[in-house]
Amino acid sequence: MGNAYDELGETRRAVKVYEQALKIHREIGNRPSEAIALFNIGVALDKLGERAKAIAHVKAAIKIFGQIESPYAERARAQLAEWRGEA
């Protein structure tokens, strides 16, 4: 749902949906989906001009991706490097 709102240009609404998903994933202990939600929030926040918050969310996602050995970790690291001008 968050991705759909984001595609429609309703980024603030997308963030709210991603945050709801994050809460649910944390409550049920779904670590992979928790990390994806954090990453999606980060990307959306960056679109809204909130890079510092975006970086914090993507760092949190990277930590979880690393703990669960997810292949998405590299994508998140690349995004972070791009925002930092390291890419």
PDB file of N, CA and C in Angstrom:
ATOM      1  N   MET A   1       0.822  -1.183   0.000  1.00  0.00           N
ATOM      2  CA  MET A   1       0.000   0.000   0.000  1.00  0.00           C
ATOM      3  C   MET A   1       0.875   1.259   0.000  1.00  0.00           C
ATOM      4  N   GLY A   2       1.927   1.239   0.823  1.00  0.00           N
ATOM      5  CA  GLY A   2       2.821   2.392   0.871  1.00  0.00           C
ATOM      6  C   GLY A   2       3.474   2.660  -0.468  1.00  0.00           C
ATOM      7  N   ASN A   3       3.878   1.603  -1.147  1.00  0.00           N
ATOM      8  CA  ASN A   3       4.497   1.767  -2.464  1.00  0.00           C
ATOM      9  C   ASN A   3       3.515   2.390  -3.446  1.00  0.00           C
ATOM     10  N   ALA A   4       2.252   2.001  -3.367  1.00  0.00           N
ATOM     11  CA  ALA A   4       1.239   2.558  -4.262  1.00  0.00           C
ATOM     12  C   ALA A   4       1.076   4.058  -4.020  1.00  0.00           C
ATOM     13  N   TYR A   5       0.992   4.451  -2.754  1.00  0.00           N
ATOM     14  CA  TYR A   5       0.877   5.881  -2.454  1.00  0.00           C
ATOM     15  C   TYR A   5       2.110   6.641  -2.934  1.00  0.00           C
ATOM     16  N   ASP A   6       3.263   6.040  -2.747  1.00  0.00           N
ATOM     17  CA  ASP A   6       4.485   6.693  -3.184  1.00  0.00           C
ATOM     18  C   ASP A   6       4.485   6.876  -4.696  1.00  0.00           C
ATOM     19  N   GLU A   7       4.080   5.867  -5.428  1.00  0.00           N
ATOM     20  CA  GLU A   7       4.014   5.949  -6.891  1.00  0.00           C
ATOM     21  C   GLU A   7       3.028   7.023  -7.345  1.00  0.00           C
ATOM     22  N   LEU A   8       1.988   7.238  -6.564  1.00  0.00           N
ATOM     23  CA  LEU A   8       0.996   8.258  -6.887  1.00  0.00           C
ATOM     24  C   LEU A   8       1.436   9.657  -6.466  1.00  0.00           C
ATOM     25  N   GLY A   9       2.622   9.752  -5.886  1.00  0.00           N
ATOM     26  CA  GLY A   9       3.125  11.048  -5.453  1.00  0.00           C
ATOM     27  C   GLY A   9       2.638  11.466  -4.080  1.00  0.00           C
ATOM     28  N   GLU A  10       2.002  10.560  -3.356  1.00  0.00           N
ATOM     29  CA  GLU A  10       1.501  10.856  -2.016  1.00  0.00           C
ATOM     30  C   GLU A  10       2.500  10.313  -0.993  1.00  0.00           C
ATOM     31  N   THR A  11       3.674  10.914  -0.993  1.00  0.00           N
ATOM     32  CA  THR A  11       4.781  10.384  -0.211  1.00  0.00           C
ATOM     33  C   THR A  11       4.532  10.456   1.285  1.00  0.00           C
ATOM     34  N   ARG A  12       3.954  11.530   1.767  1.00  0.00           N
ATOM     35  CA  ARG A  12       3.665  11.618   3.212  1.00  0.00           C
ATOM     36  C   ARG A  12       2.696  10.511   3.644  1.00  0.00           C
ATOM     37  N   ARG A  13       1.724  10.256   2.815  1.00  0.00           N
ATOM     38  CA  ARG A  13       0.777   9.180   3.118  1.00  0.00           C
ATOM     39  C   ARG A  13       1.486   7.829   3.081  1.00  0.00           C
ATOM     40  N   ALA A  14       2.406   7.679   2.137  1.00  0.00           N
ATOM     41  CA  ALA A  14       3.192   6.441   2.045  1.00  0.00           C
ATOM     42  C   ALA A  14       3.978   6.226   3.336  1.00  0.00           C
ATOM     43  N   VAL A  15       4.594   7.281   3.856  1.00  0.00           N
ATOM     44  CA  VAL A  15       5.371   7.161   5.093  1.00  0.00           C
ATOM     45  C   VAL A  15       4.476   6.666   6.225  1.00  0.00           C
ATOM     46  N   LYS A  16       3.276   7.202   6.324  1.00  0.00           N
ATOM     47  CA  LYS A  16       2.356   6.769   7.382  1.00  0.00           C
ATOM     48  C   LYS A  16       2.033   5.287   7.261  1.00  0.00           C
ATOM     49  N   VAL A  17       1.816   4.831   6.039  1.00  0.00           N
ATOM     50  CA  VAL A  17       1.510   3.413   5.820  1.00  0.00           C
ATOM     51  C   VAL A  17       2.724   2.558   6.150  1.00  0.00           C
ATOM     52  N   TYR A  18       3.915   2.992   5.708  1.00  0.00           N
ATOM     53  CA  TYR A  18       5.137   2.245   6.024  1.00  0.00           C
ATOM     54  C   TYR A  18       5.339   2.175   7.539  1.00  0.00           C
ATOM     55  N   GLU A  19       5.045   3.265   8.239  1.00  0.00           N
ATOM     56  CA  GLU A  19       5.193   3.274   9.700  1.00  0.00           C
ATOM     57  C   GLU A  19       4.215   2.313  10.366  1.00  0.00           C
ATOM     58  N   GLN A  20       2.998   2.222   9.837  1.00  0.00           N
ATOM     59  CA  GLN A  20       2.030   1.255  10.367  1.00  0.00           C
ATOM     60  C   GLN A  20       2.535  -0.168  10.143  1.00  0.00           C
ATOM     61  N   ALA A  21       3.068  -0.408   8.951  1.00  0.00           N
ATOM     62  CA  ALA A  21       3.606  -1.734   8.638  1.00  0.00           C
ATOM     63  C   ALA A  21       4.783  -2.055   9.557  1.00  0.00           C
ATOM     64  N   LEU A  22       5.641  -1.072   9.790  1.00  0.00           N
ATOM     65  CA  LEU A  22       6.796  -1.269  10.671  1.00  0.00           C
ATOM     66  C   LEU A  22       6.337  -1.699  12.060  1.00  0.00           C
ATOM     67  N   LYS A  23       5.337  -1.029  12.577  1.00  0.00           N
ATOM     68  CA  LYS A  23       4.822  -1.370  13.905  1.00  0.00           C
ATOM     69  C   LYS A  23       4.325  -2.813  13.942  1.00  0.00           C
ATOM     70  N   ILE A  24       3.577  -3.194  12.942  1.00  0.00           N
ATOM     71  CA  ILE A  24       3.039  -4.558  12.881  1.00  0.00           C
ATOM     72  C   ILE A  24       4.167  -5.580  12.783  1.00  0.00           C
ATOM     73  N   HIS A  25       5.131  -5.327  11.903  1.00  0.00           N
ATOM     74  CA  HIS A  25       6.238  -6.271  11.725  1.00  0.00           C
ATOM     75  C   HIS A  25       7.053  -6.421  13.006  1.00  0.00           C
ATOM     76  N   ARG A  26       7.219  -5.328  13.731  1.00  0.00           N
ATOM     77  CA  ARG A  26       7.934  -5.410  15.012  1.00  0.00           C
ATOM     78  C   ARG A  26       7.144  -6.225  16.025  1.00  0.00           C
ATOM     79  N   GLU A  27       5.833  -5.994  16.067  1.00  0.00           N
ATOM     80  CA  GLU A  27       4.988  -6.710  17.026  1.00  0.00           C
ATOM     81  C   GLU A  27       5.004  -8.220  16.799  1.00  0.00           C
ATOM     82  N   ILE A  28       5.045  -8.634  15.541  1.00  0.00           N
ATOM     83  CA  ILE A  28       5.006 -10.068  15.253  1.00  0.00           C
ATOM     84  C   ILE A  28       6.400 -10.676  15.070  1.00  0.00           C
ATOM     85  N   GLY A  29       7.421  -9.820  15.153  1.00  0.00           N
ATOM     86  CA  GLY A  29       8.794 -10.316  15.069  1.00  0.00           C
ATOM     87  C   GLY A  29       9.262 -10.674  13.669  1.00  0.00           C
ATOM     88  N   ASN A  30       8.684 -10.036  12.676  1.00  0.00           N
ATOM     89  CA  ASN A  30       9.072 -10.294  11.287  1.00  0.00           C
ATOM     90  C   ASN A  30      10.235  -9.378  10.915  1.00  0.00           C
ATOM     91  N   ARG A  31      11.455  -9.819  11.215  1.00  0.00           N
ATOM     92  CA  ARG A  31      12.650  -8.994  11.020  1.00  0.00           C
ATOM     93  C   ARG A  31      12.894  -8.611   9.558  1.00  0.00           C
ATOM     94  N   PRO A  32      12.754  -9.517   8.597  1.00  0.00           N
ATOM     95  CA  PRO A  32      12.987  -9.105   7.208  1.00  0.00           C
ATOM     96  C   PRO A  32      12.036  -7.985   6.767  1.00  0.00           C
ATOM     97  N   SER A  33      10.774  -8.113   7.101  1.00  0.00           N
ATOM     98  CA  SER A  33       9.806  -7.081   6.720  1.00  0.00           C
ATOM     99  C   SER A  33       9.996  -5.799   7.517  1.00  0.00           C
ATOM    100  N   GLU A  34      10.460  -5.919   8.745  1.00  0.00           N
ATOM    101  CA  GLU A  34      10.779  -4.738   9.547  1.00  0.00           C
ATOM    102  C   GLU A  34      11.875  -3.929   8.856  1.00  0.00           C
ATOM    103  N   ALA A  35      12.900  -4.612   8.404  1.00  0.00           N
ATOM    104  CA  ALA A  35      14.008  -3.928   7.734  1.00  0.00           C
ATOM    105  C   ALA A  35      13.557  -3.286   6.426  1.00  0.00           C
ATOM    106  N   ILE A  36      12.724  -3.989   5.682  1.00  0.00           N
ATOM    107  CA  ILE A  36      12.224  -3.429   4.423  1.00  0.00           C
ATOM    108  C   ILE A  36      11.386  -2.186   4.696  1.00  0.00           C
ATOM    109  N   ALA A  37      10.563  -2.227   5.729  1.00  0.00           N
ATOM    110  CA  ALA A  37       9.750  -1.056   6.085  1.00  0.00           C
ATOM    111  C   ALA A  37      10.646   0.124   6.471  1.00  0.00           C
ATOM    112  N   LEU A  38      11.678  -0.139   7.249  1.00  0.00           N
ATOM    113  CA  LEU A  38      12.616   0.928   7.617  1.00  0.00           C
ATOM    114  C   LEU A  38      13.269   1.530   6.382  1.00  0.00           C
ATOM    115  N   PHE A  39      13.691   0.667   5.465  1.00  0.00           N
ATOM    116  CA  PHE A  39      14.311   1.150   4.228  1.00  0.00           C
ATOM    117  C   PHE A  39      13.326   2.005   3.431  1.00  0.00           C
ATOM    118  N   ASN A  40      12.101   1.516   3.277  1.00  0.00           N
ATOM    119  CA  ASN A  40      11.099   2.263   2.522  1.00  0.00           C
ATOM    120  C   ASN A  40      10.791   3.616   3.163  1.00  0.00           C
ATOM    121  N   ILE A  41      10.727   3.653   4.480  1.00  0.00           N
ATOM    122  CA  ILE A  41      10.514   4.926   5.177  1.00  0.00           C
ATOM    123  C   ILE A  41      11.675   5.864   4.860  1.00  0.00           C
ATOM    124  N   GLY A  42      12.888   5.339   4.919  1.00  0.00           N
ATOM    125  CA  GLY A  42      14.055   6.159   4.631  1.00  0.00           C
ATOM    126  C   GLY A  42      14.018   6.763   3.242  1.00  0.00           C
ATOM    127  N   VAL A  43      13.712   5.959   2.251  1.00  0.00           N
ATOM    128  CA  VAL A  43      13.655   6.449   0.867  1.00  0.00           C
ATOM    129  C   VAL A  43      12.577   7.520   0.728  1.00  0.00           C
ATOM    130  N   ALA A  44      11.429   7.267   1.338  1.00  0.00           N
ATOM    131  CA  ALA A  44      10.341   8.237   1.259  1.00  0.00           C
ATOM    132  C   ALA A  44      10.698   9.540   1.979  1.00  0.00           C
ATOM    133  N   LEU A  45      11.311   9.436   3.140  1.00  0.00           N
ATOM    134  CA  LEU A  45      11.711  10.649   3.869  1.00  0.00           C
ATOM    135  C   LEU A  45      12.709  11.464   3.064  1.00  0.00           C
ATOM    136  N   ASP A  46      13.599  10.781   2.371  1.00  0.00           N
ATOM    137  CA  ASP A  46      14.550  11.511   1.534  1.00  0.00           C
ATOM    138  C   ASP A  46      13.822  12.280   0.433  1.00  0.00           C
ATOM    139  N   LYS A  47      12.808  11.683  -0.153  1.00  0.00           N
ATOM    140  CA  LYS A  47      12.015  12.377  -1.177  1.00  0.00           C
ATOM    141  C   LYS A  47      11.361  13.625  -0.602  1.00  0.00           C
ATOM    142  N   LEU A  48      11.077  13.596   0.692  1.00  0.00           N
ATOM    143  CA  LEU A  48      10.439  14.735   1.360  1.00  0.00           C
ATOM    144  C   LEU A  48      11.456  15.750   1.861  1.00  0.00           C
ATOM    145  N   GLY A  49      12.740  15.511   1.545  1.00  0.00           N
ATOM    146  CA  GLY A  49      13.781  16.454   1.951  1.00  0.00           C
ATOM    147  C   GLY A  49      14.266  16.269   3.372  1.00  0.00           C
ATOM    148  N   GLU A  50      14.009  15.125   3.957  1.00  0.00           N
ATOM    149  CA  GLU A  50      14.409  14.858   5.335  1.00  0.00           C
ATOM    150  C   GLU A  50      15.542  13.835   5.353  1.00  0.00           C
ATOM    151  N   ARG A  51      16.669  14.221   4.774  1.00  0.00           N
ATOM    152  CA  ARG A  51      17.770  13.282   4.584  1.00  0.00           C
ATOM    153  C   ARG A  51      18.317  12.727   5.890  1.00  0.00           C
ATOM    154  N   ALA A  52      18.459  13.539   6.931  1.00  0.00           N
ATOM    155  CA  ALA A  52      19.009  13.037   8.196  1.00  0.00           C
ATOM    156  C   ALA A  52      18.134  11.911   8.758  1.00  0.00           C
ATOM    157  N   LYS A  53      16.839  12.104   8.729  1.00  0.00           N
ATOM    158  CA  LYS A  53      15.923  11.061   9.198  1.00  0.00           C
ATOM    159  C   LYS A  53      15.991   9.847   8.272  1.00  0.00           C
ATOM    160  N   ALA A  54      16.106  10.111   6.979  1.00  0.00           N
ATOM    161  CA  ALA A  54      16.204   9.022   6.002  1.00  0.00           C
ATOM    162  C   ALA A  54      17.426   8.156   6.290  1.00  0.00           C
ATOM    163  N   ILE A  55      18.550   8.806   6.524  1.00  0.00           N
ATOM    164  CA  ILE A  55      19.792   8.076   6.806  1.00  0.00           C
ATOM    165  C   ILE A  55      19.642   7.230   8.066  1.00  0.00           C
ATOM    166  N   ALA A  56      19.020   7.778   9.097  1.00  0.00           N
ATOM    167  CA  ALA A  56      18.829   7.028  10.345  1.00  0.00           C
ATOM    168  C   ALA A  56      18.001   5.772  10.101  1.00  0.00           C
ATOM    169  N   HIS A  57      16.956   5.885   9.307  1.00  0.00           N
ATOM    170  CA  HIS A  57      16.111   4.721   9.025  1.00  0.00           C
ATOM    171  C   HIS A  57      16.856   3.680   8.188  1.00  0.00           C
ATOM    172  N   VAL A  58      17.611   4.139   7.202  1.00  0.00           N
ATOM    173  CA  VAL A  58      18.330   3.182   6.362  1.00  0.00           C
ATOM    174  C   VAL A  58      19.452   2.511   7.158  1.00  0.00           C
ATOM    175  N   LYS A  59      20.098   3.238   8.053  1.00  0.00           N
ATOM    176  CA  LYS A  59      21.104   2.610   8.915  1.00  0.00           C
ATOM    177  C   LYS A  59      20.481   1.516   9.777  1.00  0.00           C
ATOM    178  N   ALA A  60      19.299   1.783  10.305  1.00  0.00           N
ATOM    179  CA  ALA A  60      18.606   0.776  11.112  1.00  0.00           C
ATOM    180  C   ALA A  60      18.250  -0.443  10.254  1.00  0.00           C
ATOM    181  N   ALA A  61      17.837  -0.192   9.021  1.00  0.00           N
ATOM    182  CA  ALA A  61      17.531  -1.300   8.109  1.00  0.00           C
ATOM    183  C   ALA A  61      18.781  -2.113   7.816  1.00  0.00           C
ATOM    184  N   ILE A  62      19.899  -1.437   7.568  1.00  0.00           N
ATOM    185  CA  ILE A  62      21.160  -2.129   7.276  1.00  0.00           C
ATOM    186  C   ILE A  62      21.560  -3.021   8.445  1.00  0.00           C
ATOM    187  N   LYS A  63      21.384  -2.534   9.658  1.00  0.00           N
ATOM    188  CA  LYS A  63      21.735  -3.329  10.836  1.00  0.00           C
ATOM    189  C   LYS A  63      20.943  -4.639  10.857  1.00  0.00           C
ATOM    190  N   ILE A  64      19.648  -4.532  10.613  1.00  0.00           N
ATOM    191  CA  ILE A  64      18.809  -5.738  10.615  1.00  0.00           C
ATOM    192  C   ILE A  64      19.157  -6.628   9.429  1.00  0.00           C
ATOM    193  N   PHE A  65      19.295  -6.032   8.248  1.00  0.00           N
ATOM    194  CA  PHE A  65      19.661  -6.828   7.076  1.00  0.00           C
ATOM    195  C   PHE A  65      20.948  -7.618   7.338  1.00  0.00           C
ATOM    196  N   GLY A  66      21.907  -6.982   7.998  1.00  0.00           N
ATOM    197  CA  GLY A  66      23.157  -7.668   8.319  1.00  0.00           C
ATOM    198  C   GLY A  66      22.948  -8.808   9.298  1.00  0.00           C
ATOM    199  N   GLN A  67      22.124  -8.577  10.307  1.00  0.00           N
ATOM    200  CA  GLN A  67      21.861  -9.606  11.316  1.00  0.00           C
ATOM    201  C   GLN A  67      21.184 -10.833  10.723  1.00  0.00           C
ATOM    202  N   ILE A  68      20.328 -10.617   9.739  1.00  0.00           N
ATOM    203  CA  ILE A  68      19.596 -11.736   9.148  1.00  0.00           C
ATOM    204  C   ILE A  68      20.231 -12.211   7.840  1.00  0.00           C
ATOM    205  N   GLU A  69      21.374 -11.620   7.507  1.00  0.00           N
ATOM    206  CA  GLU A  69      22.118 -11.973   6.292  1.00  0.00           C
ATOM    207  C   GLU A  69      21.253 -11.852   5.038  1.00  0.00           C
ATOM    208  N   SER A  70      20.572 -10.733   4.938  1.00  0.00           N
ATOM    209  CA  SER A  70      19.687 -10.479   3.803  1.00  0.00           C
ATOM    210  C   SER A  70      20.458  -9.933   2.613  1.00  0.00           C
ATOM    211  N   PRO A  71      20.106 -10.365   1.417  1.00  0.00           N
ATOM    212  CA  PRO A  71      20.745  -9.819   0.228  1.00  0.00           C
ATOM    213  C   PRO A  71      20.384  -8.352  -0.011  1.00  0.00           C
ATOM    214  N   TYR A  72      19.364  -7.849   0.658  1.00  0.00           N
ATOM    215  CA  TYR A  72      18.976  -6.451   0.513  1.00  0.00           C
ATOM    216  C   TYR A  72      19.953  -5.492   1.202  1.00  0.00           C
ATOM    217  N   ALA A  73      20.825  -6.023   2.030  1.00  0.00           N
ATOM    218  CA  ALA A  73      21.783  -5.175   2.751  1.00  0.00           C
ATOM    219  C   ALA A  73      22.624  -4.361   1.783  1.00  0.00           C
ATOM    220  N   GLU A  74      23.052  -4.975   0.701  1.00  0.00           N
ATOM    221  CA  GLU A  74      23.913  -4.274  -0.251  1.00  0.00           C
ATOM    222  C   GLU A  74      23.183  -3.112  -0.920  1.00  0.00           C
ATOM    223  N   ARG A  75      21.920  -3.312  -1.256  1.00  0.00           N
ATOM    224  CA  ARG A  75      21.138  -2.220  -1.860  1.00  0.00           C
ATOM    225  C   ARG A  75      21.009  -1.051  -0.883  1.00  0.00           C
ATOM    226  N   ALA A  76      20.743  -1.375   0.370  1.00  0.00           N
ATOM    227  CA  ALA A  76      20.603  -0.325   1.384  1.00  0.00           C
ATOM    228  C   ALA A  76      21.932   0.407   1.591  1.00  0.00           C
ATOM    229  N   ARG A  77      23.037  -0.345   1.619  1.00  0.00           N
ATOM    230  CA  ARG A  77      24.358   0.296   1.750  1.00  0.00           C
ATOM    231  C   ARG A  77      24.653   1.206   0.562  1.00  0.00           C
ATOM    232  N   ALA A  78      24.279   0.762  -0.629  1.00  0.00           N
ATOM    233  CA  ALA A  78      24.499   1.576  -1.831  1.00  0.00           C
ATOM    234  C   ALA A  78      23.691   2.864  -1.772  1.00  0.00           C
ATOM    235  N   GLN A  79      22.457   2.779  -1.290  1.00  0.00           N
ATOM    236  CA  GLN A  79      21.626   3.978  -1.166  1.00  0.00           C
ATOM    237  C   GLN A  79      22.244   4.953  -0.177  1.00  0.00           C
ATOM    238  N   LEU A  80      22.701   4.440   0.937  1.00  0.00           N
ATOM    239  CA  LEU A  80      23.338   5.276   1.953  1.00  0.00           C
ATOM    240  C   LEU A  80      24.588   5.937   1.388  1.00  0.00           C
ATOM    241  N   ALA A  81      25.388   5.193   0.666  1.00  0.00           N
ATOM    242  CA  ALA A  81      26.609   5.742   0.071  1.00  0.00           C
ATOM    243  C   ALA A  81      26.264   6.848  -0.929  1.00  0.00           C
ATOM    244  N   GLU A  82      25.211   6.646  -1.689  1.00  0.00           N
ATOM    245  CA  GLU A  82      24.792   7.666  -2.668  1.00  0.00           C
ATOM    246  C   GLU A  82      24.410   8.960  -1.959  1.00  0.00           C
ATOM    247  N   TRP A  83      23.632   8.836  -0.887  1.00  0.00           N
ATOM    248  CA  TRP A  83      23.216  10.028  -0.148  1.00  0.00           C
ATOM    249  C   TRP A  83      24.404  10.746   0.464  1.00  0.00           C
ATOM    250  N   ARG A  84      25.406   9.999   0.844  1.00  0.00           N
ATOM    251  CA  ARG A  84      26.601  10.591   1.452  1.00  0.00           C
ATOM    252  C   ARG A  84      27.591  11.095   0.409  1.00  0.00           C
ATOM    253  N   GLY A  85      27.278  10.877  -0.865  1.00  0.00           N
ATOM    254  CA  GLY A  85      28.168  11.303  -1.940  1.00  0.00           C
ATOM    255  C   GLY A  85      29.359  10.406  -2.134  1.00  0.00           C
ATOM    256  N   GLU A  86      29.238   9.155  -1.687  1.00  0.00           N
ATOM    257  CA  GLU A  86      30.338   8.191  -1.785  1.00  0.00           C
ATOM    258  C   GLU A  86      30.193   7.273  -2.980  1.00  0.00           C
ATOM    259  N   ALA A  87      29.077   7.363  -3.666  1.00  0.00           N
ATOM    260  CA  ALA A  87      28.816   6.434  -4.780  1.00  0.00           C
ATOM    261  C   ALA A  87      29.443   6.915  -6.068  1.00  0.00           C
TER     262      ALA A  87
END
